[in-house]
C-alpha atoms as a PDB file:
ATOM      1  CA  MET A   1      16.641   0.304  -7.576  1.00  0.00           C
ATOM      2  CA  ARG A   2      13.159   0.064  -6.099  1.00  0.00           C
ATOM      3  CA  ALA A   3      13.410   3.036  -3.719  1.00  0.00           C
ATOM      4  CA  LEU A   4      14.320   6.681  -4.183  1.00  0.00           C
ATOM      5  CA  PRO A   5      16.971   7.663  -1.600  1.00  0.00           C
ATOM      6  CA  LEU A   6      16.032  10.954   0.062  1.00  0.00           C
ATOM      7  CA  PHE A   7      17.114  12.979   3.091  1.00  0.00           C
ATOM      8  CA  HIS A   8      13.962  14.052   4.906  1.00  0.00           C
ATOM      9  CA  LEU A   9      14.291  17.178   7.067  1.00  0.00           C
ATOM     10  CA  VAL A  10      12.592  16.623  10.436  1.00  0.00           C
ATOM     11  CA  ALA A  11      14.161  19.403  12.526  1.00  0.00           C
ATOM     12  CA  GLY A  12      11.355  21.067  14.479  1.00  0.00           C
ATOM     13  CA  GLN A  13       8.770  18.591  13.128  1.00  0.00           C
ATOM     14  CA  PRO A  14       6.571  16.059  14.974  1.00  0.00           C
ATOM     15  CA  VAL A  15       7.317  12.383  14.313  1.00  0.00           C
ATOM     16  CA  ILE A  16       5.229   9.487  15.618  1.00  0.00           C
ATOM     17  CA  VAL A  17       7.117   6.741  17.467  1.00  0.00           C
ATOM     18  CA  LEU A  18       5.053   3.891  18.904  1.00  0.00           C
ATOM     19  CA  GLY A  19       6.274   0.982  20.993  1.00  0.00           C
ATOM     20  CA  GLU A  20       8.512   0.049  23.878  1.00  0.00           C
ATOM     21  CA  GLY A  21      11.864  -1.648  24.114  1.00  0.00           C
ATOM     22  CA  PRO A  22      15.217  -1.242  22.324  1.00  0.00           C
ATOM     23  CA  ALA A  23      13.819  -0.887  18.787  1.00  0.00           C
ATOM     24  CA  ALA A  24      11.435   1.930  19.726  1.00  0.00           C
ATOM     25  CA  GLU A  25      14.065   3.660  21.852  1.00  0.00           C
ATOM     26  CA  ALA A  26      16.510   3.569  18.944  1.00  0.00           C
ATOM     27  CA  LYS A  27      13.938   5.276  16.719  1.00  0.00           C
ATOM     28  CA  ARG A  28      13.273   7.935  19.359  1.00  0.00           C
ATOM     29  CA  ARG A  29      16.981   8.692  19.592  1.00  0.00           C
ATOM     30  CA  LEU A  30      17.215   8.839  15.815  1.00  0.00           C
ATOM     31  CA  VAL A  31      14.359  11.359  15.570  1.00  0.00           C
ATOM     32  CA  GLU A  32      15.686  13.532  18.392  1.00  0.00           C
ATOM     33  CA  ARG A  33      19.233  13.478  17.024  1.00  0.00           C
ATOM     34  CA  ALA A  34      17.863  14.859  13.752  1.00  0.00           C
ATOM     35  CA  GLY A  35      16.097  17.689  15.606  1.00  0.00           C
ATOM     36  CA  GLY A  36      12.567  16.296  15.481  1.00  0.00           C
ATOM     37  CA  TYR A  37      10.298  15.688  18.479  1.00  0.00           C
ATOM     38  CA  VAL A  38       8.417  12.504  19.282  1.00  0.00           C
ATOM     39  CA  VAL A  39       4.608  12.513  19.444  1.00  0.00           C
ATOM     40  CA  SER A  40       1.855   9.932  19.808  1.00  0.00           C
ATOM     41  CA  ASP A  41      -0.280   8.504  17.028  1.00  0.00           C
ATOM     42  CA  ASP A  42      -3.104  11.028  17.564  1.00  0.00           C
ATOM     43  CA  ASP A  43      -0.946  13.985  16.432  1.00  0.00           C
ATOM     44  CA  ARG A  44      -2.508  15.099  13.138  1.00  0.00           C
ATOM     45  CA  ASP A  45       0.460  17.219  12.086  1.00  0.00           C
ATOM     46  CA  ALA A  46       2.900  14.306  11.924  1.00  0.00           C
ATOM     47  CA  ARG A  47       3.862  13.021   8.488  1.00  0.00           C
ATOM     48  CA  LEU A  48       6.300  10.279   9.512  1.00  0.00           C
ATOM     49  CA  GLY A  49       5.721   7.360  11.858  1.00  0.00           C
ATOM     50  CA  PHE A  50       7.788   4.555  13.379  1.00  0.00           C
ATOM     51  CA  ILE A  51       6.042   1.471  14.760  1.00  0.00           C
ATOM     52  CA  ALA A  52       7.796  -1.094  16.950  1.00  0.00           C
ATOM     53  CA  ILE A  53       5.002  -3.254  18.381  1.00  0.00           C
ATOM     54  CA  GLU A  54       3.680  -6.769  17.900  1.00  0.00           C
ATOM     55  CA  HIS A  55       0.821  -7.121  15.432  1.00  0.00           C
ATOM     56  CA  PRO A  56       1.307  -3.682  13.828  1.00  0.00           C
ATOM     57  CA  GLU A  57      -0.966  -4.215  10.824  1.00  0.00           C
ATOM     58  CA  MET A  58      -4.053  -2.330  12.012  1.00  0.00           C
ATOM     59  CA  LEU A  59      -2.121   0.607  13.405  1.00  0.00           C
ATOM     60  CA  ALA A  60       0.046   0.884  10.299  1.00  0.00           C
ATOM     61  CA  GLY A  61      -3.067   0.829   8.113  1.00  0.00           C
ATOM     62  CA  ARG A  62      -4.731   3.581  10.151  1.00  0.00           C
ATOM     63  CA  LEU A  63      -1.687   5.862   9.918  1.00  0.00           C
ATOM     64  CA  LYS A  64      -1.264   5.212   6.204  1.00  0.00           C
ATOM     65  CA  ALA A  65      -4.928   6.142   5.642  1.00  0.00           C
ATOM     66  CA  ARG A  66      -4.135   9.547   7.185  1.00  0.00           C
ATOM     67  CA  GLY A  67      -1.243  10.043   4.761  1.00  0.00           C
ATOM     68  CA  VAL A  68       1.505   9.242   7.280  1.00  0.00           C
ATOM     69  CA  LEU A  69       4.594   7.521   5.858  1.00  0.00           C
ATOM     70  CA  VAL A  70       5.280   4.527   8.063  1.00  0.00           C
ATOM     71  CA  ASN A  71       8.304   2.424   9.053  1.00  0.00           C
ATOM     72  CA  VAL A  72       7.502  -0.844  10.852  1.00  0.00           C
ATOM     73  CA  THR A  73      10.326  -2.653  12.646  1.00  0.00           C
ATOM     74  CA  ASP A  74      11.128  -6.044  11.058  1.00  0.00           C
ATOM     75  CA  ARG A  75       8.203  -5.746   8.635  1.00  0.00           C
ATOM     76  CA  PRO A  76       9.531  -4.396   5.311  1.00  0.00           C
ATOM     77  CA  ASP A  77       6.254  -5.405   3.652  1.00  0.00           C
ATOM     78  CA  LEU A  78       4.478  -2.750   5.736  1.00  0.00           C
ATOM     79  CA  CYS A  79       7.120  -0.024   5.336  1.00  0.00           C
ATOM     80  CA  ASP A  80       6.700   3.093   3.192  1.00  0.00           C
ATOM     81  CA  PHE A  81      10.355   3.866   3.901  1.00  0.00           C
ATOM     82  CA  THR A  82      13.336   2.135   5.466  1.00  0.00           C
ATOM     83  CA  VAL A  83      16.007   3.593   7.742  1.00  0.00           C
ATOM     84  CA  PRO A  84      19.576   3.326   6.430  1.00  0.00           C
ATOM     85  CA  SER A  85      22.749   2.833   8.411  1.00  0.00           C
ATOM     86  CA  VAL A  86      24.167   6.358   8.625  1.00  0.00           C
ATOM     87  CA  LEU A  87      27.781   7.491   8.616  1.00  0.00           C
ATOM     88  CA  ASP A  88      27.881  10.977  10.120  1.00  0.00           C
ATOM     89  CA  ARG A  89      30.558  13.477   9.087  1.00  0.00           C
ATOM     90  CA  ASP A  90      28.345  16.477   9.809  1.00  0.00           C
ATOM     91  CA  PRO A  91      27.209  18.080   7.564  1.00  0.00           C
ATOM     92  CA  VAL A  92      28.068  15.117   5.313  1.00  0.00           C
ATOM     93  CA  LEU A  93      25.801  12.110   5.785  1.00  0.00           C
ATOM     94  CA  VAL A  94      26.425   8.824   4.002  1.00  0.00           C
ATOM     95  CA  ALA A  95      23.429   6.479   4.132  1.00  0.00           C
ATOM     96  CA  VAL A  96      23.697   2.760   3.363  1.00  0.00           C
ATOM     97  CA  GLY A  97      20.446   0.901   2.804  1.00  0.00           C
ATOM     98  CA  THR A  98      19.363  -2.528   1.607  1.00  0.00           C
ATOM     99  CA  GLY A  99      15.654  -1.859   1.180  1.00  0.00           C
ATOM    100  CA  GLY A 100      14.959  -3.749   4.388  1.00  0.00           C
ATOM    101  CA  ALA A 101      16.721  -6.893   3.155  1.00  0.00           C
ATOM    102  CA  SER A 102      19.477  -6.895   5.785  1.00  0.00           C
ATOM    103  CA  ALA A 103      20.142  -4.238   8.392  1.00  0.00           C
ATOM    104  CA  GLY A 104      23.245  -6.181   9.410  1.00  0.00           C
ATOM    105  CA  LEU A 105      24.732  -5.899   5.939  1.00  0.00           C
ATOM    106  CA  ALA A 106      24.041  -2.156   5.844  1.00  0.00           C
ATOM    107  CA  LYS A 107      25.758  -1.753   9.223  1.00  0.00           C
ATOM    108  CA  GLN A 108      28.871  -3.650   8.183  1.00  0.00           C
ATOM    109  CA  LEU A 109      29.181  -1.652   4.961  1.00  0.00           C
ATOM    110  CA  ARG A 110      28.873   1.543   6.979  1.00  0.00           C
ATOM    111  CA  LEU A 111      31.579   0.370   9.370  1.00  0.00           C
ATOM    112  CA  ARG A 112      33.910  -0.304   6.444  1.00  0.00           C
ATOM    113  CA  LEU A 113      33.274   3.207   5.128  1.00  0.00           C
ATOM    114  CA  GLU A 114      33.980   4.635   8.600  1.00  0.00           C
ATOM    115  CA  GLY A 115      37.577   3.550   8.151  1.00  0.00           C
ATOM    116  CA  VAL A 116      37.859   5.082   4.673  1.00  0.00           C
ATOM    117  CA  LEU A 117      36.203   8.488   4.970  1.00  0.00           C
ATOM    118  CA  PRO A 118      38.298  10.904   7.061  1.00  0.00           C
ATOM    119  CA  SER A 119      36.912  12.885   9.976  1.00  0.00           C
ATOM    120  CA  SER A 120      37.851  16.065   8.064  1.00  0.00           C
ATOM    121  CA  LEU A 121      35.151  15.428   5.440  1.00  0.00           C
ATOM    122  CA  GLY A 122      32.668  17.669   7.250  1.00  0.00           C
ATOM    123  CA  LYS A 123      35.191  20.508   7.363  1.00  0.00           C
ATOM    124  CA  LEU A 124      35.685  20.232   3.598  1.00  0.00           C
ATOM    125  CA  ALA A 125      31.921  20.459   3.053  1.00  0.00           C
ATOM    126  CA  GLU A 126      31.707  23.516   5.305  1.00  0.00           C
ATOM    127  CA  ALA A 127      34.623  25.199   3.503  1.00  0.00           C
ATOM    128  CA  LEU A 128      32.922  24.645   0.145  1.00  0.00           C
ATOM    129  CA  HIS A 129      29.669  26.016   1.579  1.00  0.00           C
ATOM    130  CA  VAL A 130      31.436  29.192   2.735  1.00  0.00           C
ATOM    131  CA  ALA A 131      33.048  29.485  -0.711  1.00  0.00           C
ATOM    132  CA  ARG A 132      29.769  29.318  -2.680  1.00  0.00           C
ATOM    133  CA  GLU A 133      29.768  32.996  -3.660  1.00  0.00           C
ATOM    134  CA  ALA A 134      33.457  32.884  -4.581  1.00  0.00           C
ATOM    135  CA  LEU A 135      32.728  29.812  -6.726  1.00  0.00           C
ATOM    136  CA  ARG A 136      29.971  31.675  -8.551  1.00  0.00           C
ATOM    137  CA  GLN A 137      32.265  34.636  -9.198  1.00  0.00           C
ATOM    138  CA  ARG A 138      35.085  32.431 -10.469  1.00  0.00           C
ATOM    139  CA  TRP A 139      32.813  30.261 -12.655  1.00  0.00           C
ATOM    140  CA  PRO A 140      29.538  32.129 -13.378  1.00  0.00           C
ATOM    141  CA  LYS A 141      28.116  29.243 -15.445  1.00  0.00           C
ATOM    142  CA  ALA A 142      26.726  26.312 -13.456  1.00  0.00           C
ATOM    143  CA  ASP A 143      28.219  23.727 -15.833  1.00  0.00           C
ATOM    144  CA  ASP A 144      31.674  25.310 -15.484  1.00  0.00           C
ATOM    145  CA  ARG A 145      31.377  25.245 -11.682  1.00  0.00           C
ATOM    146  CA  ARG A 146      30.376  21.597 -11.700  1.00  0.00           C
ATOM    147  CA  ARG A 147      33.273  20.631 -13.978  1.00  0.00           C
ATOM    148  CA  ALA A 148      35.730  22.576 -11.820  1.00  0.00           C
ATOM    149  CA  LEU A 149      34.474  20.820  -8.698  1.00  0.00           C
ATOM    150  CA  ASP A 150      34.523  17.420 -10.422  1.00  0.00           C
ATOM    151  CA  SER A 151      38.160  17.978 -11.304  1.00  0.00           C
ATOM    152  CA  ALA A 152      39.167  19.231  -7.859  1.00  0.00           C
ATOM    153  CA  LEU A 153      37.216  16.640  -5.869  1.00  0.00           C
ATOM    154  CA  GLY A 154      38.232  13.678  -8.020  1.00  0.00           C
ATOM    155  CA  GLN A 155      40.814  11.133  -6.958  1.00  0.00           C
ATOM    156  CA  GLY A 156      44.152  12.908  -6.619  1.00  0.00           C
ATOM    157  CA  GLY A 157      42.543  16.311  -7.243  1.00  0.00           C
ATOM    158  CA  ALA A 158      43.333  19.512  -5.368  1.00  0.00           C
ATOM    159  CA  LEU A 159      40.415  18.873  -2.980  1.00  0.00           C
ATOM    160  CA  ASP A 160      40.397  15.074  -2.898  1.00  0.00           C
ATOM    161  CA  PRO A 161      37.833  14.275  -0.146  1.00  0.00           C
ATOM    162  CA  LEU A 162      39.962  11.397   1.162  1.00  0.00           C
ATOM    163  CA  ASP A 163      42.881  13.747   1.839  1.00  0.00           C
ATOM    164  CA  GLN A 164      42.766  15.029   5.427  1.00  0.00           C
ATOM    165  CA  SER A 165      44.228  18.412   4.425  1.00  0.00           C
ATOM    166  CA  SER A 166      41.823  19.238   1.572  1.00  0.00           C
ATOM    167  CA  ALA A 167      39.621  21.525   3.683  1.00  0.00           C
ATOM    168  CA  GLY A 168      42.529  23.900   4.166  1.00  0.00           C
ATOM    169  CA  ARG A 169      43.199  24.194   0.428  1.00  0.00           C
ATOM    170  CA  VAL A 170      39.835  25.501  -0.782  1.00  0.00           C
ATOM    171  CA  GLU A 171      40.867  29.188  -0.785  1.00  0.00           C
ATOM    172  CA  ALA A 172      44.155  28.512  -2.585  1.00  0.00           C
ATOM    173  CA  TRP A 173      42.343  26.369  -5.155  1.00  0.00           C
ATOM    174  CA  LEU A 174      39.899  29.183  -5.914  1.00  0.00           C
ATOM    175  CA  GLN A 175      42.789  31.585  -6.489  1.00  0.00           C
ATOM    176  CA  ASP A 176      44.671  29.223  -8.811  1.00  0.00           C
ATOM    177  CA  PRO A 177      44.731  31.059 -12.195  1.00  0.00           C
ATOM    178  CA  ALA A 178      45.105  27.854 -14.191  1.00  0.00           C
ATOM    179  CA  GLY A 179      41.769  26.195 -13.381  1.00  0.00           C
ATOM    180  CA  PRO A 180      40.703  22.852 -14.836  1.00  0.00           C
ATOM    181  CA  ALA A 181      41.500  22.026 -18.453  1.00  0.00           C
ATOM    182  CA  ASP A 182      38.686  21.917 -21.005  1.00  0.00           C
ATOM    183  CA  PRO A 183      37.368  18.344 -21.218  1.00  0.00           C
ATOM    184  CA  GLU A 184      38.246  16.231 -24.248  1.00  0.00           C
ATOM    185  CA  PRO A 185      35.768  13.721 -25.744  1.00  0.00           C
ATOM    186  CA  VAL A 186      36.356  10.184 -24.475  1.00  0.00           C
ATOM    187  CA  SER A 187      35.510   6.931 -26.257  1.00  0.00           C
ATOM    188  CA  LEU A 188      34.958   3.833 -24.113  1.00  0.00           C
ATOM    189  CA  ILE A 189      34.762   0.265 -25.392  1.00  0.00           C
ATOM    190  CA  ILE A 190      32.258  -1.763 -23.367  1.00  0.00           C
ATOM    191  CA  THR A 191      32.977  -5.482 -23.237  1.00  0.00           C
ATOM    192  CA  SER A 192      30.020  -6.451 -21.051  1.00  0.00           C
ATOM    193  CA  ASN A 193      26.552  -5.137 -20.344  1.00  0.00           C
ATOM    194  CA  ASP A 194      26.960  -5.967 -16.670  1.00  0.00           C
ATOM    195  CA  PRO A 195      27.688  -2.655 -14.873  1.00  0.00           C
ATOM    196  CA  ASP A 196      29.767  -4.553 -12.302  1.00  0.00           C
ATOM    197  CA  ASP A 197      32.269  -5.250 -15.093  1.00  0.00           C
ATOM    198  CA  LEU A 198      32.958  -1.544 -15.692  1.00  0.00           C
ATOM    199  CA  THR A 199      36.509  -0.546 -14.856  1.00  0.00           C
ATOM    200  CA  LEU A 200      37.047   2.134 -12.224  1.00  0.00           C
ATOM    201  CA  ARG A 201      38.014   4.581 -14.974  1.00  0.00           C
ATOM    202  CA  GLN A 202      34.892   3.810 -17.022  1.00  0.00           C
ATOM    203  CA  ALA A 203      32.607   4.178 -13.999  1.00  0.00           C
ATOM    204  CA  ARG A 204      34.291   7.452 -13.007  1.00  0.00           C
ATOM    205  CA  LEU A 205      33.986   8.958 -16.502  1.00  0.00           C
ATOM    206  CA  LEU A 206      30.334   7.907 -16.801  1.00  0.00           C
ATOM    207  CA  GLY A 207      29.602   9.544 -13.464  1.00  0.00           C
ATOM    208  CA  MET A 208      31.238  12.803 -14.609  1.00  0.00           C
ATOM    209  CA  ALA A 209      29.960  12.989 -18.210  1.00  0.00           C
ATOM    210  CA  ASP A 210      27.805  15.897 -19.383  1.00  0.00           C
ATOM    211  CA  CYS A 211      26.741  13.930 -22.457  1.00  0.00           C
ATOM    212  CA  VAL A 212      26.737  10.179 -23.101  1.00  0.00           C
ATOM    213  CA  MET A 213      26.609   8.994 -26.714  1.00  0.00           C
ATOM    214  CA  PHE A 214      25.907   5.289 -27.029  1.00  0.00           C
ATOM    215  CA  GLY A 215      25.979   2.809 -29.860  1.00  0.00           C
ATOM    216  CA  PRO A 216      23.785  -0.254 -30.473  1.00  0.00           C
ATOM    217  CA  GLY A 217      23.810  -2.935 -27.827  1.00  0.00           C
ATOM    218  CA  ILE A 218      24.598  -0.713 -24.821  1.00  0.00           C
ATOM    219  CA  ALA A 219      22.296  -1.918 -22.039  1.00  0.00           C
ATOM    220  CA  PRO A 220      20.178   0.484 -19.950  1.00  0.00           C
ATOM    221  CA  ALA A 221      21.980  -0.850 -16.864  1.00  0.00           C
ATOM    222  CA  ILE A 222      25.202   0.707 -18.189  1.00  0.00           C
ATOM    223  CA  LEU A 223      23.552   4.044 -19.005  1.00  0.00           C
ATOM    224  CA  THR A 224      22.099   4.148 -15.493  1.00  0.00           C
ATOM    225  CA  ARG A 225      25.633   4.609 -14.169  1.00  0.00           C
ATOM    226  CA  ALA A 226      25.775   8.030 -15.854  1.00  0.00           C
ATOM    227  CA  ARG A 227      24.583  11.173 -14.066  1.00  0.00           C
ATOM    228  CA  ALA A 228      20.796  11.452 -14.021  1.00  0.00           C
ATOM    229  CA  ASP A 229      21.009  14.894 -15.686  1.00  0.00           C
ATOM    230  CA  ALA A 230      23.537  13.876 -18.362  1.00  0.00           C
ATOM    231  CA  VAL A 231      22.296  14.206 -21.959  1.00  0.00           C
ATOM    232  CA  ARG A 232      21.911  10.818 -23.673  1.00  0.00           C
ATOM    233  CA  LEU A 233      22.253  10.605 -27.447  1.00  0.00           C
ATOM    234  CA  ALA A 234      22.102   7.497 -29.609  1.00  0.00           C
ATOM    235  CA  LEU A 235      24.833   7.112 -32.242  1.00  0.00           C
ATOM    236  CA  PRO A 236      24.937   8.271 -34.963  1.00  0.00           C
ATOM    237  CA  HIS A 237      23.804  11.752 -33.934  1.00  0.00           C
ATOM    238  CA  ASN A 238      23.924  14.609 -36.433  1.00  0.00           C
ATOM    239  CA  GLY A 239      22.707  17.455 -34.233  1.00  0.00           C
ATOM    240  CA  PRO A 240      24.691  19.757 -31.935  1.00  0.00           C
ATOM    241  CA  ILE A 241      26.605  18.135 -29.093  1.00  0.00           C
ATOM    242  CA  PRO A 242      26.357  19.780 -25.654  1.00  0.00           C
ATOM    243  CA  GLU A 243      29.467  21.380 -24.224  1.00  0.00           C
ATOM    244  CA  GLY A 244      31.426  19.600 -21.555  1.00  0.00           C
ATOM    245  CA  LEU A 245      32.702  16.071 -21.115  1.00  0.00           C
ATOM    246  CA  VAL A 246      31.313  13.802 -23.831  1.00  0.00           C
ATOM    247  CA  VAL A 247      31.672  10.048 -23.311  1.00  0.00           C
ATOM    248  CA  SER A 248      31.003   7.764 -26.273  1.00  0.00           C
ATOM    249  CA  LEU A 249      30.070   4.153 -25.469  1.00  0.00           C
ATOM    250  CA  LYS A 250      30.586   1.396 -28.011  1.00  0.00           C
ATOM    251  CA  ARG A 251      30.328  -2.358 -27.695  1.00  0.00           C
ATOM    252  CA  ALA A 252      33.445  -4.421 -28.413  1.00  0.00           C
ATOM    253  CA  ASP A 253      33.325  -6.213 -31.765  1.00  0.00           C
END
């Protein structure tokens, strides 16, 4: 991964858009749809800029010198950021990017996801937002809240995001006295250091783990599939183990 995916808030902010034609118009619509307003290149308050002109090198260089982050149509070598293909389930946004390699590929992946992610996904997000205080009261510790949500939002869980009716079950889920079971340690045997060879179960557990313990020969590419904030401990480890879901990774003999 060469880029850090971010969602940049532009509502109420000036954004430079330069150029004419379909590419520039698309960028203007994008900015306005996000609540920003389009300005010219002499606006000193702008921090983002889109350029859709021939021979953009000099203009891009001038804006960059002022500290403006620039996107140049069809010139990834000049871009400080690229624009993903966006699936909108407001307030849920799913962005698919290729680092400027192929906008067509990003679009087709987004179209495939359009058919998978239900229109009710935004309602589920809003219901969880409304329930934030109730979540804190039910699970005062942040780690407990995260584990409860992981369990509920997982495949087949009480609030499975791919289930159209999940948004209407948030209140009942919060009142369920049982709650999620305490996680048990899990040991995974890794047969390949190619992350594409991980099974769905292995990838899911790595993404949920609070602590990942790994033996010799486990490649960094595998560990990257774990949560960024998960504790990583090399085996053998004699110190205290953090609470929560512990996943132990070992290479096959």
